[in-house]
């Protein structure tokens, strides 16, 4: 379960999983961003443990810093952008019925995965 999965923007590691939840440690490389995406079947909580980044949830943009958390409702477009020169580390908790990567709907992506 603790395998590190490399992505173009950094990596993630699943650290716990239950019936209706999944917990990941995510590392976003400096000056990298995740795709603008939504999820049909799950909600997410992000807690920043190191660094800070720019968050888009729906139409709202904000900065999130170490020790802060943010809620991502299901079916809401969202994105995380590490626009700093150090890595951004967060704990992401998924809640829902379907807890896999197939639930991602991408709208914009710097890595041609749309």
C-alpha atoms as a PDB file:
ATOM      1  CA  UNK A   1       0.000   0.000   0.000  1.00  0.00           C
ATOM      2  CA  UNK A   2       2.901   2.395   0.593  1.00  0.00           C
ATOM      3  CA  UNK A   3       4.197   2.312  -3.003  1.00  0.00           C
ATOM      4  CA  UNK A   4       5.161   5.734  -4.350  1.00  0.00           C
ATOM      5  CA  UNK A   5       3.410   6.497  -7.640  1.00  0.00           C
ATOM      6  CA  UNK A   6       5.279   9.010  -9.802  1.00  0.00           C
ATOM      7  CA  UNK A   7       3.304  11.579 -11.772  1.00  0.00           C
ATOM      8  CA  UNK A   8       4.493  14.396 -14.073  1.00  0.00           C
ATOM      9  CA  UNK A   9       3.771  16.947 -11.298  1.00  0.00           C
ATOM     10  CA  UNK A  10       5.330  14.959  -8.394  1.00  0.00           C
ATOM     11  CA  UNK A  11       4.167  11.785  -6.631  1.00  0.00           C
ATOM     12  CA  UNK A  12       1.686  10.267  -4.234  1.00  0.00           C
ATOM     13  CA  UNK A  13       1.576   7.416  -1.774  1.00  0.00           C
ATOM     14  CA  UNK A  14      -1.532   5.719  -0.381  1.00  0.00           C
ATOM     15  CA  UNK A  15      -1.091   5.569   3.386  1.00  0.00           C
ATOM     16  CA  UNK A  16      -4.477   4.161   4.454  1.00  0.00           C
ATOM     17  CA  UNK A  17      -7.673   2.835   2.886  1.00  0.00           C
ATOM     18  CA  UNK A  18     -11.033   1.767   4.281  1.00  0.00           C
ATOM     19  CA  UNK A  19     -14.498   1.009   2.933  1.00  0.00           C
ATOM     20  CA  UNK A  20     -15.458   4.612   2.103  1.00  0.00           C
ATOM     21  CA  UNK A  21     -12.192   6.519   2.555  1.00  0.00           C
ATOM     22  CA  UNK A  22      -8.660   6.682   1.165  1.00  0.00           C
ATOM     23  CA  UNK A  23      -5.710   8.677   2.550  1.00  0.00           C
ATOM     24  CA  UNK A  24      -2.807   9.844   0.363  1.00  0.00           C
ATOM     25  CA  UNK A  25       0.402  11.732   0.940  1.00  0.00           C
ATOM     26  CA  UNK A  26       0.965  13.953  -2.100  1.00  0.00           C
ATOM     27  CA  UNK A  27       4.169  15.756  -3.067  1.00  0.00           C
ATOM     28  CA  UNK A  28       3.838  18.494  -5.718  1.00  0.00           C
ATOM     29  CA  UNK A  29       7.121  19.536  -7.319  1.00  0.00           C
ATOM     30  CA  UNK A  30       8.113  23.210  -7.409  1.00  0.00           C
ATOM     31  CA  UNK A  31       6.370  25.182 -10.161  1.00  0.00           C
ATOM     32  CA  UNK A  32       4.059  22.264 -11.012  1.00  0.00           C
ATOM     33  CA  UNK A  33       0.286  21.910 -11.023  1.00  0.00           C
ATOM     34  CA  UNK A  34      -2.283  19.177 -11.073  1.00  0.00           C
ATOM     35  CA  UNK A  35      -4.923  19.117 -13.788  1.00  0.00           C
ATOM     36  CA  UNK A  36      -8.125  21.117 -13.496  1.00  0.00           C
ATOM     37  CA  UNK A  37     -10.473  18.261 -12.628  1.00  0.00           C
ATOM     38  CA  UNK A  38     -13.583  17.103 -10.841  1.00  0.00           C
ATOM     39  CA  UNK A  39     -14.848  13.839  -9.341  1.00  0.00           C
ATOM     40  CA  UNK A  40     -18.347  12.480  -9.709  1.00  0.00           C
ATOM     41  CA  UNK A  41     -18.322  10.052  -6.773  1.00  0.00           C
ATOM     42  CA  UNK A  42     -16.100  11.479  -4.055  1.00  0.00           C
ATOM     43  CA  UNK A  43     -15.275  14.498  -1.933  1.00  0.00           C
ATOM     44  CA  UNK A  44     -11.779  15.418  -0.763  1.00  0.00           C
ATOM     45  CA  UNK A  45     -10.100  17.177   2.157  1.00  0.00           C
ATOM     46  CA  UNK A  46      -6.606  18.576   1.622  1.00  0.00           C
ATOM     47  CA  UNK A  47      -4.345  19.447   4.555  1.00  0.00           C
ATOM     48  CA  UNK A  48      -1.051  21.141   3.743  1.00  0.00           C
ATOM     49  CA  UNK A  49       1.841  19.863   5.855  1.00  0.00           C
ATOM     50  CA  UNK A  50       4.736  21.643   4.086  1.00  0.00           C
ATOM     51  CA  UNK A  51       4.902  24.649   1.781  1.00  0.00           C
ATOM     52  CA  UNK A  52       2.078  26.609   0.232  1.00  0.00           C
ATOM     53  CA  UNK A  53       0.247  26.717  -3.066  1.00  0.00           C
ATOM     54  CA  UNK A  54      -2.562  28.210  -5.063  1.00  0.00           C
ATOM     55  CA  UNK A  55      -5.920  26.413  -4.981  1.00  0.00           C
ATOM     56  CA  UNK A  56      -8.836  26.723  -7.369  1.00  0.00           C
ATOM     57  CA  UNK A  57     -12.170  25.313  -6.208  1.00  0.00           C
ATOM     58  CA  UNK A  58     -15.073  26.191  -8.460  1.00  0.00           C
ATOM     59  CA  UNK A  59     -14.705  29.886  -9.290  1.00  0.00           C
ATOM     60  CA  UNK A  60     -12.694  30.707  -6.134  1.00  0.00           C
ATOM     61  CA  UNK A  61      -8.885  31.014  -6.052  1.00  0.00           C
ATOM     62  CA  UNK A  62      -6.953  31.163  -2.798  1.00  0.00           C
ATOM     63  CA  UNK A  63      -3.567  30.506  -1.222  1.00  0.00           C
ATOM     64  CA  UNK A  64      -3.288  27.582   1.175  1.00  0.00           C
ATOM     65  CA  UNK A  65      -0.360  27.233   3.595  1.00  0.00           C
ATOM     66  CA  UNK A  66       1.115  24.696   5.973  1.00  0.00           C
ATOM     67  CA  UNK A  67      -1.380  23.591   8.688  1.00  0.00           C
ATOM     68  CA  UNK A  68      -4.391  24.801   6.656  1.00  0.00           C
ATOM     69  CA  UNK A  69      -7.088  22.525   5.223  1.00  0.00           C
ATOM     70  CA  UNK A  70      -9.575  22.922   2.404  1.00  0.00           C
ATOM     71  CA  UNK A  71     -12.666  20.953   1.377  1.00  0.00           C
ATOM     72  CA  UNK A  72     -13.298  19.901  -2.238  1.00  0.00           C
ATOM     73  CA  UNK A  73     -16.967  18.989  -2.876  1.00  0.00           C
ATOM     74  CA  UNK A  74     -17.837  16.274  -5.401  1.00  0.00           C
ATOM     75  CA  UNK A  75     -18.546  17.430  -8.958  1.00  0.00           C
ATOM     76  CA  UNK A  76     -16.630  20.694  -8.373  1.00  0.00           C
ATOM     77  CA  UNK A  77     -13.757  21.715 -10.648  1.00  0.00           C
ATOM     78  CA  UNK A  78     -10.542  22.088  -8.677  1.00  0.00           C
ATOM     79  CA  UNK A  79      -6.792  22.428  -9.089  1.00  0.00           C
ATOM     80  CA  UNK A  80      -3.679  22.723  -6.953  1.00  0.00           C
ATOM     81  CA  UNK A  81      -0.686  24.717  -8.196  1.00  0.00           C
ATOM     82  CA  UNK A  82       2.670  24.818  -6.435  1.00  0.00           C
ATOM     83  CA  UNK A  83       3.983  28.133  -7.734  1.00  0.00           C
ATOM     84  CA  UNK A  84       6.851  28.183  -5.226  1.00  0.00           C
ATOM     85  CA  UNK A  85      10.469  27.004  -5.428  1.00  0.00           C
ATOM     86  CA  UNK A  86      10.109  24.264  -2.793  1.00  0.00           C
ATOM     87  CA  UNK A  87       7.999  21.131  -2.804  1.00  0.00           C
ATOM     88  CA  UNK A  88       4.447  21.214  -1.503  1.00  0.00           C
ATOM     89  CA  UNK A  89       3.335  18.279   0.665  1.00  0.00           C
ATOM     90  CA  UNK A  90      -0.258  17.572   1.594  1.00  0.00           C
ATOM     91  CA  UNK A  91      -2.432  14.847   3.031  1.00  0.00           C
ATOM     92  CA  UNK A  92      -5.479  14.197   0.862  1.00  0.00           C
ATOM     93  CA  UNK A  93      -8.467  12.272   2.215  1.00  0.00           C
ATOM     94  CA  UNK A  94     -11.100  10.916  -0.159  1.00  0.00           C
ATOM     95  CA  UNK A  95     -14.622  10.078   0.989  1.00  0.00           C
ATOM     96  CA  UNK A  96     -17.153   8.267  -1.187  1.00  0.00           C
ATOM     97  CA  UNK A  97     -18.443   5.119  -2.827  1.00  0.00           C
ATOM     98  CA  UNK A  98     -15.927   4.958  -5.703  1.00  0.00           C
ATOM     99  CA  UNK A  99     -12.335   5.485  -4.594  1.00  0.00           C
ATOM    100  CA  UNK A 100     -10.083   5.091  -7.613  1.00  0.00           C
ATOM    101  CA  UNK A 101      -8.331   7.201 -10.244  1.00  0.00           C
ATOM    102  CA  UNK A 102     -11.044   6.376 -12.815  1.00  0.00           C
ATOM    103  CA  UNK A 103     -13.286   8.960 -11.110  1.00  0.00           C
ATOM    104  CA  UNK A 104     -11.194  11.857 -12.475  1.00  0.00           C
ATOM    105  CA  UNK A 105     -12.700  14.118 -15.140  1.00  0.00           C
ATOM    106  CA  UNK A 106      -9.954  16.382 -16.526  1.00  0.00           C
ATOM    107  CA  UNK A 107     -10.737  19.758 -18.121  1.00  0.00           C
ATOM    108  CA  UNK A 108      -7.233  21.252 -18.461  1.00  0.00           C
ATOM    109  CA  UNK A 109      -3.890  19.515 -18.085  1.00  0.00           C
ATOM    110  CA  UNK A 110      -0.281  20.594 -18.718  1.00  0.00           C
ATOM    111  CA  UNK A 111       0.697  16.961 -19.416  1.00  0.00           C
ATOM    112  CA  UNK A 112      -1.747  16.143 -22.269  1.00  0.00           C
ATOM    113  CA  UNK A 113      -3.947  13.785 -20.203  1.00  0.00           C
ATOM    114  CA  UNK A 114      -7.292  15.423 -21.120  1.00  0.00           C
END
